């Protein structure tokens, strides 16, 4: 494409970032993300940011992913917070970051809050944080969320 003088657009960069995320190519992902902005003067959209959060968090870099989210020039939506939570779950990342993501997700997507709480319960269970498990189950019962065992 580049060899034929065609310039990539935002969809091409979304595909590149998705591939980098799926393949765990963090360095390449950063390279494409920066070249998108600096070389091709394409402003990243929320989907591009979501790919970067997914890439970072699934590589176990949940703190870096959260920092990236906090520095984004656009307001994070449930895709961003969901990517971060998913990364925490798959890499057994920071529980405090997972809690923060769940807090944001339940604010943005109340109808699916029981799903987010279930992920958090699983993380607490894996870490043998039984008091946190009981506290979260009580919260869910008080708010009449789906009972999960």
C-alpha atoms as a PDB file:
ATOM      1  CA  UNK A   1       0.000   0.000   0.000  1.00  0.00           C
ATOM      2  CA  UNK A   2       2.677   2.485   1.040  1.00  0.00           C
ATOM      3  CA  UNK A   3       4.934   1.335  -1.795  1.00  0.00           C
ATOM      4  CA  UNK A   4       2.172   2.240  -4.260  1.00  0.00           C
ATOM      5  CA  UNK A   5       1.795   5.755  -2.862  1.00  0.00           C
ATOM      6  CA  UNK A   6      -1.483   5.098  -1.074  1.00  0.00           C
ATOM      7  CA  UNK A   7      -1.825   6.666   2.344  1.00  0.00           C
ATOM      8  CA  UNK A   8      -3.504   4.693   5.110  1.00  0.00           C
ATOM      9  CA  UNK A   9      -6.711   5.970   6.682  1.00  0.00           C
ATOM     10  CA  UNK A  10      -8.106   5.530  10.199  1.00  0.00           C
ATOM     11  CA  UNK A  11      -9.658   2.136   9.310  1.00  0.00           C
ATOM     12  CA  UNK A  12      -6.288   0.782   8.194  1.00  0.00           C
ATOM     13  CA  UNK A  13      -4.740   1.896  11.468  1.00  0.00           C
ATOM     14  CA  UNK A  14      -7.566   0.309  13.437  1.00  0.00           C
ATOM     15  CA  UNK A  15      -6.836  -2.983  11.669  1.00  0.00           C
ATOM     16  CA  UNK A  16      -3.108  -2.667  12.340  1.00  0.00           C
ATOM     17  CA  UNK A  17      -3.627  -1.896  16.021  1.00  0.00           C
ATOM     18  CA  UNK A  18      -6.089  -4.787  16.361  1.00  0.00           C
ATOM     19  CA  UNK A  19      -3.571  -7.196  14.867  1.00  0.00           C
ATOM     20  CA  UNK A  20      -0.836  -5.884  17.165  1.00  0.00           C
ATOM     21  CA  UNK A  21      -3.156  -6.330  20.136  1.00  0.00           C
ATOM     22  CA  UNK A  22      -4.184  -9.865  19.162  1.00  0.00           C
ATOM     23  CA  UNK A  23      -0.564 -10.894  18.548  1.00  0.00           C
ATOM     24  CA  UNK A  24       0.898  -9.159  21.602  1.00  0.00           C
ATOM     25  CA  UNK A  25       3.094  -6.858  19.521  1.00  0.00           C
ATOM     26  CA  UNK A  26       3.341  -3.974  21.972  1.00  0.00           C
ATOM     27  CA  UNK A  27       6.336  -2.220  20.411  1.00  0.00           C
ATOM     28  CA  UNK A  28       4.823  -2.383  16.936  1.00  0.00           C
ATOM     29  CA  UNK A  29       1.472  -1.196  18.272  1.00  0.00           C
ATOM     30  CA  UNK A  30       3.059   1.885  19.809  1.00  0.00           C
ATOM     31  CA  UNK A  31       4.974   2.510  16.589  1.00  0.00           C
ATOM     32  CA  UNK A  32       1.812   2.424  14.471  1.00  0.00           C
ATOM     33  CA  UNK A  33      -0.134   4.490  16.986  1.00  0.00           C
ATOM     34  CA  UNK A  34       2.488   7.248  16.996  1.00  0.00           C
ATOM     35  CA  UNK A  35       2.991   7.191  13.229  1.00  0.00           C
ATOM     36  CA  UNK A  36      -0.755   7.488  12.785  1.00  0.00           C
ATOM     37  CA  UNK A  37      -0.695  10.787  14.651  1.00  0.00           C
ATOM     38  CA  UNK A  38       2.693  12.163  13.764  1.00  0.00           C
ATOM     39  CA  UNK A  39       3.475  10.924  10.265  1.00  0.00           C
ATOM     40  CA  UNK A  40      -0.002  10.611   8.749  1.00  0.00           C
ATOM     41  CA  UNK A  41      -1.769  13.312  10.805  1.00  0.00           C
ATOM     42  CA  UNK A  42      -4.725  11.087  11.580  1.00  0.00           C
ATOM     43  CA  UNK A  43      -6.454  11.818  14.863  1.00  0.00           C
ATOM     44  CA  UNK A  44      -7.064   8.598  16.789  1.00  0.00           C
ATOM     45  CA  UNK A  45     -10.670   7.740  17.553  1.00  0.00           C
ATOM     46  CA  UNK A  46     -11.993   5.958  20.604  1.00  0.00           C
ATOM     47  CA  UNK A  47     -11.615   2.584  18.868  1.00  0.00           C
ATOM     48  CA  UNK A  48      -7.879   3.219  18.334  1.00  0.00           C
ATOM     49  CA  UNK A  49      -7.466   4.044  22.017  1.00  0.00           C
ATOM     50  CA  UNK A  50      -9.421   0.908  22.957  1.00  0.00           C
ATOM     51  CA  UNK A  51      -6.999  -1.205  20.891  1.00  0.00           C
ATOM     52  CA  UNK A  52      -4.038   0.323  22.704  1.00  0.00           C
ATOM     53  CA  UNK A  53      -5.626  -0.257  26.124  1.00  0.00           C
ATOM     54  CA  UNK A  54      -6.356  -3.846  25.120  1.00  0.00           C
ATOM     55  CA  UNK A  55      -2.800  -4.314  23.861  1.00  0.00           C
ATOM     56  CA  UNK A  56      -1.210  -2.923  27.029  1.00  0.00           C
ATOM     57  CA  UNK A  57      -3.484  -4.602  29.543  1.00  0.00           C
ATOM     58  CA  UNK A  58      -3.340  -8.023  27.902  1.00  0.00           C
ATOM     59  CA  UNK A  59       0.450  -7.846  28.034  1.00  0.00           C
ATOM     60  CA  UNK A  60       0.159  -7.435  31.808  1.00  0.00           C
ATOM     61  CA  UNK A  61       0.840  -3.701  31.715  1.00  0.00           C
ATOM     62  CA  UNK A  62      -2.364  -2.685  33.476  1.00  0.00           C
ATOM     63  CA  UNK A  63      -0.772   0.268  35.270  1.00  0.00           C
ATOM     64  CA  UNK A  64       0.552   1.627  31.986  1.00  0.00           C
ATOM     65  CA  UNK A  65      -2.857   1.017  30.387  1.00  0.00           C
ATOM     66  CA  UNK A  66      -4.606   2.964  33.160  1.00  0.00           C
ATOM     67  CA  UNK A  67      -2.113   5.805  32.791  1.00  0.00           C
ATOM     68  CA  UNK A  68      -2.809   5.796  29.051  1.00  0.00           C
ATOM     69  CA  UNK A  69      -6.576   5.960  29.714  1.00  0.00           C
ATOM     70  CA  UNK A  70      -6.147   8.836  32.136  1.00  0.00           C
ATOM     71  CA  UNK A  71      -4.101  10.783  29.567  1.00  0.00           C
ATOM     72  CA  UNK A  72      -6.414  10.209  26.609  1.00  0.00           C
ATOM     73  CA  UNK A  73      -7.816  13.408  25.087  1.00  0.00           C
ATOM     74  CA  UNK A  74     -11.232  11.731  24.743  1.00  0.00           C
ATOM     75  CA  UNK A  75     -13.621  10.512  27.424  1.00  0.00           C
ATOM     76  CA  UNK A  76     -13.270   6.741  27.961  1.00  0.00           C
ATOM     77  CA  UNK A  77     -16.371   4.689  27.303  1.00  0.00           C
ATOM     78  CA  UNK A  78     -17.331   1.159  28.313  1.00  0.00           C
ATOM     79  CA  UNK A  79     -15.114  -0.321  25.566  1.00  0.00           C
ATOM     80  CA  UNK A  80     -12.060   1.284  27.136  1.00  0.00           C
ATOM     81  CA  UNK A  81     -12.925   0.251  30.698  1.00  0.00           C
ATOM     82  CA  UNK A  82     -13.981  -3.207  29.496  1.00  0.00           C
ATOM     83  CA  UNK A  83     -10.635  -3.699  27.757  1.00  0.00           C
ATOM     84  CA  UNK A  84      -8.823  -2.723  30.918  1.00  0.00           C
ATOM     85  CA  UNK A  85     -10.934  -5.061  33.071  1.00  0.00           C
ATOM     86  CA  UNK A  86     -10.465  -7.878  30.580  1.00  0.00           C
ATOM     87  CA  UNK A  87      -6.709  -7.372  30.711  1.00  0.00           C
ATOM     88  CA  UNK A  88      -6.781  -7.477  34.511  1.00  0.00           C
ATOM     89  CA  UNK A  89      -8.718 -10.736  34.337  1.00  0.00           C
ATOM     90  CA  UNK A  90      -6.581 -12.465  31.725  1.00  0.00           C
ATOM     91  CA  UNK A  91      -3.247 -11.543  33.288  1.00  0.00           C
ATOM     92  CA  UNK A  92      -4.404 -11.559  36.915  1.00  0.00           C
ATOM     93  CA  UNK A  93      -3.375  -7.924  36.989  1.00  0.00           C
ATOM     94  CA  UNK A  94      -3.893  -5.324  39.651  1.00  0.00           C
ATOM     95  CA  UNK A  95      -7.065  -5.833  41.669  1.00  0.00           C
ATOM     96  CA  UNK A  96      -7.216  -2.131  42.491  1.00  0.00           C
ATOM     97  CA  UNK A  97      -7.219  -1.310  38.771  1.00  0.00           C
ATOM     98  CA  UNK A  98      -9.904  -3.947  38.179  1.00  0.00           C
ATOM     99  CA  UNK A  99     -11.999  -2.401  40.967  1.00  0.00           C
ATOM    100  CA  UNK A 100     -11.581   1.036  39.419  1.00  0.00           C
ATOM    101  CA  UNK A 101     -12.590  -0.278  35.987  1.00  0.00           C
ATOM    102  CA  UNK A 102     -15.657  -2.010  37.457  1.00  0.00           C
ATOM    103  CA  UNK A 103     -16.632   1.217  39.209  1.00  0.00           C
ATOM    104  CA  UNK A 104     -16.491   3.071  35.901  1.00  0.00           C
ATOM    105  CA  UNK A 105     -18.245   0.299  33.983  1.00  0.00           C
ATOM    106  CA  UNK A 106     -21.160   0.071  36.412  1.00  0.00           C
ATOM    107  CA  UNK A 107     -21.633   3.818  36.053  1.00  0.00           C
ATOM    108  CA  UNK A 108     -21.628   3.646  32.251  1.00  0.00           C
ATOM    109  CA  UNK A 109     -23.383   0.305  31.770  1.00  0.00           C
ATOM    110  CA  UNK A 110     -25.626  -0.430  34.759  1.00  0.00           C
ATOM    111  CA  UNK A 111     -27.644  -3.133  33.004  1.00  0.00           C
ATOM    112  CA  UNK A 112     -24.526  -5.328  32.717  1.00  0.00           C
ATOM    113  CA  UNK A 113     -23.113  -4.577  36.157  1.00  0.00           C
ATOM    114  CA  UNK A 114     -23.618  -8.137  37.412  1.00  0.00           C
ATOM    115  CA  UNK A 115     -21.221  -9.345  34.689  1.00  0.00           C
ATOM    116  CA  UNK A 116     -18.551  -6.885  35.828  1.00  0.00           C
ATOM    117  CA  UNK A 117     -19.064  -7.837  39.464  1.00  0.00           C
ATOM    118  CA  UNK A 118     -18.720 -11.519  38.523  1.00  0.00           C
ATOM    119  CA  UNK A 119     -15.291 -10.842  37.014  1.00  0.00           C
ATOM    120  CA  UNK A 120     -14.295  -8.957  40.153  1.00  0.00           C
ATOM    121  CA  UNK A 121     -15.563 -11.818  42.336  1.00  0.00           C
ATOM    122  CA  UNK A 122     -13.440 -14.251  40.345  1.00  0.00           C
ATOM    123  CA  UNK A 123     -10.368 -12.044  40.846  1.00  0.00           C
ATOM    124  CA  UNK A 124     -11.050 -11.791  44.580  1.00  0.00           C
ATOM    125  CA  UNK A 125     -11.517 -15.561  44.788  1.00  0.00           C
ATOM    126  CA  UNK A 126      -8.273 -16.238  42.935  1.00  0.00           C
ATOM    127  CA  UNK A 127      -6.475 -13.984  45.429  1.00  0.00           C
ATOM    128  CA  UNK A 128      -8.247 -15.615  48.411  1.00  0.00           C
ATOM    129  CA  UNK A 129      -9.747 -12.276  49.420  1.00  0.00           C
ATOM    130  CA  UNK A 130     -12.772 -13.789  51.117  1.00  0.00           C
ATOM    131  CA  UNK A 131     -13.835 -10.640  52.963  1.00  0.00           C
ATOM    132  CA  UNK A 132     -13.957  -8.765  49.670  1.00  0.00           C
ATOM    133  CA  UNK A 133     -15.992 -11.611  48.144  1.00  0.00           C
ATOM    134  CA  UNK A 134     -18.548 -11.400  50.951  1.00  0.00           C
ATOM    135  CA  UNK A 135     -18.681  -7.592  50.814  1.00  0.00           C
ATOM    136  CA  UNK A 136     -19.312  -7.653  47.069  1.00  0.00           C
ATOM    137  CA  UNK A 137     -21.975 -10.355  47.345  1.00  0.00           C
ATOM    138  CA  UNK A 138     -23.778  -8.311  50.012  1.00  0.00           C
ATOM    139  CA  UNK A 139     -23.632  -5.263  47.755  1.00  0.00           C
ATOM    140  CA  UNK A 140     -25.090  -7.263  44.910  1.00  0.00           C
ATOM    141  CA  UNK A 141     -27.868  -8.639  47.119  1.00  0.00           C
ATOM    142  CA  UNK A 142     -28.699  -5.157  48.431  1.00  0.00           C
ATOM    143  CA  UNK A 143     -28.936  -3.828  44.894  1.00  0.00           C
ATOM    144  CA  UNK A 144     -31.000  -6.816  43.735  1.00  0.00           C
ATOM    145  CA  UNK A 145     -28.435  -7.798  41.138  1.00  0.00           C
ATOM    146  CA  UNK A 146     -28.398 -11.296  39.757  1.00  0.00           C
ATOM    147  CA  UNK A 147     -27.368 -13.783  42.407  1.00  0.00           C
ATOM    148  CA  UNK A 148     -24.197 -15.586  41.399  1.00  0.00           C
ATOM    149  CA  UNK A 149     -22.703 -18.523  43.188  1.00  0.00           C
END
